[in-house]
Amino acid sequence: MIYVFDTSSIRSLQHFYPRVFKRIWDGLDTLVQQDRLISTREVFNELERQAISAEVSKWAKDNKRIFTQPTADELKFVSTIFLVKHFQSLIGVQQRLKGTPVADPFVIACAKIKQGTVVTEEGWLRPSDKLVPKPNAAKIPNVCAHFKVPCVDLEEFMQQQEWAF
């Protein structure tokens, strides 16, 4: 299975210190080597504009090849996402005015076209032990649900890898 990481999940990795959680980082590196952990160029651009740990920044730069440029099919699917009026708010007013990178639609399109699973921390509720998208939100999990693209958070991703500590 291919996992397409959103900015929020890569940023969340900074809470898993590489010297303490070595198994996580070794597992991520293995998935990268197997071409099973990918992302998009827009995620890398977002990461460059955010305050992230030196370890995560170095990891992203060392693995820059995972941050792919969108294919023609992915770009076509991004336009399909924006045909749904509610999902047009994936790009906020400030992002449009400032011209800042917006990765969300590209992450979803990459997963859809490559038949992968999106990994994101945004837009989830966890009532009891179940992960569900926030109702009526224009967030990655909602868009994924609409277009039948598998989507999990970092915790679920780690469970799928059977990483336990």
C-alpha atoms as a PDB file:
ATOM      1  CA  MET A   1       0.000   0.000   0.000  1.00  0.00           C
ATOM      2  CA  ILE A   2       1.143   3.535  -0.791  1.00  0.00           C
ATOM      3  CA  TYR A   3       0.756   6.263   1.839  1.00  0.00           C
ATOM      4  CA  VAL A   4       0.548   9.904   0.792  1.00  0.00           C
ATOM      5  CA  PHE A   5       1.536  12.138   3.691  1.00  0.00           C
ATOM      6  CA  ASP A   6      -0.004  15.543   4.300  1.00  0.00           C
ATOM      7  CA  THR A   7       1.983  18.396   5.841  1.00  0.00           C
ATOM      8  CA  SER A   8       0.218  17.991   9.187  1.00  0.00           C
ATOM      9  CA  SER A   9       1.348  14.386   9.593  1.00  0.00           C
ATOM     10  CA  ILE A  10       4.955  15.086   8.626  1.00  0.00           C
ATOM     11  CA  ARG A  11       4.968  18.037  11.023  1.00  0.00           C
ATOM     12  CA  SER A  12       3.535  15.788  13.772  1.00  0.00           C
ATOM     13  CA  LEU A  13       6.529  13.481  13.411  1.00  0.00           C
ATOM     14  CA  GLN A  14       8.564  16.053  15.335  1.00  0.00           C
ATOM     15  CA  HIS A  15       6.955  14.706  18.521  1.00  0.00           C
ATOM     16  CA  PHE A  16       8.641  11.346  17.891  1.00  0.00           C
ATOM     17  CA  TYR A  17      12.278  12.121  18.653  1.00  0.00           C
ATOM     18  CA  PRO A  18      14.505  10.042  16.347  1.00  0.00           C
ATOM     19  CA  ARG A  19      16.889   8.948  19.121  1.00  0.00           C
ATOM     20  CA  VAL A  20      13.968   7.727  21.274  1.00  0.00           C
ATOM     21  CA  PHE A  21      11.572   6.426  18.611  1.00  0.00           C
ATOM     22  CA  LYS A  22      14.192   4.926  16.314  1.00  0.00           C
ATOM     23  CA  ARG A  23      11.818   2.197  15.129  1.00  0.00           C
ATOM     24  CA  ILE A  24       9.393   4.781  13.723  1.00  0.00           C
ATOM     25  CA  TRP A  25      12.125   6.580  11.779  1.00  0.00           C
ATOM     26  CA  ASP A  26      13.633   3.309  10.535  1.00  0.00           C
ATOM     27  CA  GLY A  27      10.129   2.241   9.448  1.00  0.00           C
ATOM     28  CA  LEU A  28       9.548   5.526   7.629  1.00  0.00           C
ATOM     29  CA  ASP A  29      12.892   5.186   5.861  1.00  0.00           C
ATOM     30  CA  THR A  30      12.041   1.621   4.822  1.00  0.00           C
ATOM     31  CA  LEU A  31       8.694   2.750   3.391  1.00  0.00           C
ATOM     32  CA  VAL A  32      10.472   5.557   1.504  1.00  0.00           C
ATOM     33  CA  GLN A  33      12.983   3.077   0.064  1.00  0.00           C
ATOM     34  CA  GLN A  34      10.089   0.838  -1.017  1.00  0.00           C
ATOM     35  CA  ASP A  35       8.332   3.842  -2.666  1.00  0.00           C
ATOM     36  CA  ARG A  36       5.391   3.261  -0.326  1.00  0.00           C
ATOM     37  CA  LEU A  37       5.643   6.619   1.484  1.00  0.00           C
ATOM     38  CA  ILE A  38       5.236   9.602  -0.808  1.00  0.00           C
ATOM     39  CA  SER A  39       3.959  13.145  -0.733  1.00  0.00           C
ATOM     40  CA  THR A  40       3.695  16.124  -3.048  1.00  0.00           C
ATOM     41  CA  ARG A  41       5.884  19.074  -3.919  1.00  0.00           C
ATOM     42  CA  GLU A  42       3.299  21.373  -2.335  1.00  0.00           C
ATOM     43  CA  VAL A  43       3.738  19.616   1.028  1.00  0.00           C
ATOM     44  CA  PHE A  44       7.489  20.258   0.853  1.00  0.00           C
ATOM     45  CA  ASN A  45       6.771  23.916   0.040  1.00  0.00           C
ATOM     46  CA  GLU A  46       4.430  24.175   3.044  1.00  0.00           C
ATOM     47  CA  LEU A  47       7.019  22.551   5.317  1.00  0.00           C
ATOM     48  CA  GLU A  48       9.630  25.102   4.244  1.00  0.00           C
ATOM     49  CA  ARG A  49       7.338  27.910   5.425  1.00  0.00           C
ATOM     50  CA  GLN A  50       6.539  26.381   8.821  1.00  0.00           C
ATOM     51  CA  ALA A  51       8.353  26.064  12.117  1.00  0.00           C
ATOM     52  CA  ILE A  52       9.314  22.392  12.332  1.00  0.00           C
ATOM     53  CA  SER A  53      12.034  20.566  14.230  1.00  0.00           C
ATOM     54  CA  ALA A  54      15.517  20.331  12.778  1.00  0.00           C
ATOM     55  CA  GLU A  55      15.130  16.529  12.616  1.00  0.00           C
ATOM     56  CA  VAL A  56      11.942  16.664  10.537  1.00  0.00           C
ATOM     57  CA  SER A  57      13.364  19.378   8.305  1.00  0.00           C
ATOM     58  CA  LYS A  58      16.505  17.314   7.694  1.00  0.00           C
ATOM     59  CA  TRP A  59      14.448  14.171   7.054  1.00  0.00           C
ATOM     60  CA  ALA A  60      12.295  16.008   4.488  1.00  0.00           C
ATOM     61  CA  LYS A  61      15.351  17.442   2.718  1.00  0.00           C
ATOM     62  CA  ASP A  62      17.161  14.084   2.779  1.00  0.00           C
ATOM     63  CA  ASN A  63      14.058  12.459   1.246  1.00  0.00           C
ATOM     64  CA  LYS A  64      13.121  15.230  -1.156  1.00  0.00           C
ATOM     65  CA  ARG A  65      12.468  12.661  -3.912  1.00  0.00           C
ATOM     66  CA  ILE A  66       9.213  11.611  -2.174  1.00  0.00           C
ATOM     67  CA  PHE A  67       7.757  15.089  -2.770  1.00  0.00           C
ATOM     68  CA  THR A  68       6.627  14.572  -6.346  1.00  0.00           C
ATOM     69  CA  GLN A  69       5.407  17.030  -8.920  1.00  0.00           C
ATOM     70  CA  PRO A  70       1.734  16.485  -9.806  1.00  0.00           C
ATOM     71  CA  THR A  71       1.067  14.434 -12.918  1.00  0.00           C
ATOM     72  CA  ALA A  72      -1.426  15.496 -15.584  1.00  0.00           C
ATOM     73  CA  ASP A  73      -3.950  13.009 -14.157  1.00  0.00           C
ATOM     74  CA  GLU A  74      -3.466  14.393 -10.654  1.00  0.00           C
ATOM     75  CA  LEU A  75      -3.970  17.955 -11.892  1.00  0.00           C
ATOM     76  CA  LYS A  76      -7.145  16.855 -13.666  1.00  0.00           C
ATOM     77  CA  PHE A  77      -8.409  15.307 -10.428  1.00  0.00           C
ATOM     78  CA  VAL A  78      -7.623  18.521  -8.505  1.00  0.00           C
ATOM     79  CA  SER A  79      -9.987  20.294 -10.900  1.00  0.00           C
ATOM     80  CA  THR A  80     -12.592  17.583 -10.218  1.00  0.00           C
ATOM     81  CA  ILE A  81     -12.308  18.280  -6.474  1.00  0.00           C
ATOM     82  CA  PHE A  82     -12.973  21.973  -7.071  1.00  0.00           C
ATOM     83  CA  LEU A  83     -16.108  21.229  -9.101  1.00  0.00           C
ATOM     84  CA  VAL A  84     -17.699  20.566  -5.692  1.00  0.00           C
ATOM     85  CA  LYS A  85     -18.407  24.115  -4.512  1.00  0.00           C
ATOM     86  CA  HIS A  86     -18.042  23.262  -0.818  1.00  0.00           C
ATOM     87  CA  PHE A  87     -14.524  21.926  -1.412  1.00  0.00           C
ATOM     88  CA  GLN A  88     -13.368  25.146  -3.039  1.00  0.00           C
ATOM     89  CA  SER A  89     -12.730  26.415   0.495  1.00  0.00           C
ATOM     90  CA  LEU A  90      -9.756  24.027   0.723  1.00  0.00           C
ATOM     91  CA  ILE A  91      -7.902  27.121  -0.441  1.00  0.00           C
ATOM     92  CA  GLY A  92      -8.443  29.858   2.118  1.00  0.00           C
ATOM     93  CA  VAL A  93      -8.820  33.554   1.336  1.00  0.00           C
ATOM     94  CA  GLN A  94      -5.466  34.395   2.953  1.00  0.00           C
ATOM     95  CA  GLN A  95      -3.737  31.660   0.976  1.00  0.00           C
ATOM     96  CA  ARG A  96      -5.176  33.042  -2.256  1.00  0.00           C
ATOM     97  CA  LEU A  97      -4.255  36.617  -1.372  1.00  0.00           C
ATOM     98  CA  LYS A  98      -0.723  35.804  -0.222  1.00  0.00           C
ATOM     99  CA  GLY A  99      -0.072  33.107  -2.823  1.00  0.00           C
ATOM    100  CA  THR A 100       1.079  30.618  -0.189  1.00  0.00           C
ATOM    101  CA  PRO A 101       1.344  26.908  -1.013  1.00  0.00           C
ATOM    102  CA  VAL A 102      -1.775  24.775  -0.617  1.00  0.00           C
ATOM    103  CA  ALA A 103      -1.098  21.057  -0.502  1.00  0.00           C
ATOM    104  CA  ASP A 104      -4.459  19.525   0.449  1.00  0.00           C
ATOM    105  CA  PRO A 105      -6.029  19.023  -3.006  1.00  0.00           C
ATOM    106  CA  PHE A 106      -2.722  17.745  -4.410  1.00  0.00           C
ATOM    107  CA  VAL A 107      -2.314  15.223  -1.589  1.00  0.00           C
ATOM    108  CA  ILE A 108      -5.831  13.894  -2.208  1.00  0.00           C
ATOM    109  CA  ALA A 109      -5.323  13.781  -5.988  1.00  0.00           C
ATOM    110  CA  CYS A 110      -2.001  11.968  -5.602  1.00  0.00           C
ATOM    111  CA  ALA A 111      -3.627   9.316  -3.403  1.00  0.00           C
ATOM    112  CA  LYS A 112      -6.603   8.944  -5.746  1.00  0.00           C
ATOM    113  CA  ILE A 113      -4.530   8.508  -8.886  1.00  0.00           C
ATOM    114  CA  LYS A 114      -1.885   6.271  -7.271  1.00  0.00           C
ATOM    115  CA  GLN A 115      -4.524   4.298  -5.349  1.00  0.00           C
ATOM    116  CA  GLY A 116      -2.931   5.237  -2.050  1.00  0.00           C
ATOM    117  CA  THR A 117      -4.068   6.200   1.420  1.00  0.00           C
ATOM    118  CA  VAL A 118      -3.870   9.784   2.655  1.00  0.00           C
ATOM    119  CA  VAL A 119      -2.249  10.308   6.063  1.00  0.00           C
ATOM    120  CA  THR A 120      -3.377  13.565   7.702  1.00  0.00           C
ATOM    121  CA  GLU A 121      -3.993  14.999  11.151  1.00  0.00           C
ATOM    122  CA  GLU A 122      -6.528  17.565  10.022  1.00  0.00           C
ATOM    123  CA  GLY A 123     -10.296  17.414  10.246  1.00  0.00           C
ATOM    124  CA  TRP A 124     -10.796  14.355  12.447  1.00  0.00           C
ATOM    125  CA  LEU A 125     -13.022  13.614  15.419  1.00  0.00           C
ATOM    126  CA  ARG A 126     -12.410  10.618  17.626  1.00  0.00           C
ATOM    127  CA  PRO A 127     -15.664   9.781  19.420  1.00  0.00           C
ATOM    128  CA  SER A 128     -14.848   6.692  21.457  1.00  0.00           C
ATOM    129  CA  ASP A 129     -12.216   4.689  19.602  1.00  0.00           C
ATOM    130  CA  LYS A 130     -13.382   5.462  16.066  1.00  0.00           C
ATOM    131  CA  LEU A 131     -11.880   8.047  13.733  1.00  0.00           C
ATOM    132  CA  VAL A 132     -14.462  10.064  11.764  1.00  0.00           C
ATOM    133  CA  PRO A 133     -14.321  13.231   9.654  1.00  0.00           C
ATOM    134  CA  LYS A 134     -15.745  16.417  11.177  1.00  0.00           C
ATOM    135  CA  PRO A 135     -19.284  16.775   9.813  1.00  0.00           C
ATOM    136  CA  ASN A 136     -19.764  19.208   6.909  1.00  0.00           C
ATOM    137  CA  ALA A 137     -16.134  20.356   6.971  1.00  0.00           C
ATOM    138  CA  ALA A 138     -14.134  21.129   3.858  1.00  0.00           C
ATOM    139  CA  LYS A 139     -11.137  19.191   5.151  1.00  0.00           C
ATOM    140  CA  ILE A 140      -9.038  16.392   3.719  1.00  0.00           C
ATOM    141  CA  PRO A 141     -10.974  13.526   5.401  1.00  0.00           C
ATOM    142  CA  ASN A 142     -14.283  14.868   4.059  1.00  0.00           C
ATOM    143  CA  VAL A 143     -12.976  15.245   0.521  1.00  0.00           C
ATOM    144  CA  CYS A 144     -11.440  11.776   0.717  1.00  0.00           C
ATOM    145  CA  ALA A 145     -14.732  10.299   1.938  1.00  0.00           C
ATOM    146  CA  HIS A 146     -16.616  12.037  -0.893  1.00  0.00           C
ATOM    147  CA  PHE A 147     -14.270  10.631  -3.550  1.00  0.00           C
ATOM    148  CA  LYS A 148     -13.748   7.257  -1.817  1.00  0.00           C
ATOM    149  CA  VAL A 149     -10.044   7.783  -1.140  1.00  0.00           C
ATOM    150  CA  PRO A 150      -8.779   5.947   1.964  1.00  0.00           C
ATOM    151  CA  CYS A 151      -7.670   8.369   4.669  1.00  0.00           C
ATOM    152  CA  VAL A 152      -6.139   7.814   8.115  1.00  0.00           C
ATOM    153  CA  ASP A 153      -4.326   9.765  10.792  1.00  0.00           C
ATOM    154  CA  LEU A 154      -0.758   9.126  11.935  1.00  0.00           C
ATOM    155  CA  GLU A 155      -1.863   6.870  14.789  1.00  0.00           C
ATOM    156  CA  GLU A 156      -3.897   4.651  12.451  1.00  0.00           C
ATOM    157  CA  PHE A 157      -1.022   4.621   9.955  1.00  0.00           C
ATOM    158  CA  MET A 158       1.342   3.387  12.689  1.00  0.00           C
ATOM    159  CA  GLN A 159      -1.185   0.741  13.736  1.00  0.00           C
ATOM    160  CA  GLN A 160      -1.418  -0.442  10.120  1.00  0.00           C
ATOM    161  CA  GLN A 161       2.381  -0.798  10.146  1.00  0.00           C
ATOM    162  CA  GLU A 162       2.045  -2.774  13.396  1.00  0.00           C
ATOM    163  CA  TRP A 163       4.459  -0.398  15.133  1.00  0.00           C
ATOM    164  CA  ALA A 164       3.962  -0.719  18.895  1.00  0.00           C
ATOM    165  CA  PHE A 165       6.078   0.586  21.755  1.00  0.00           C
END
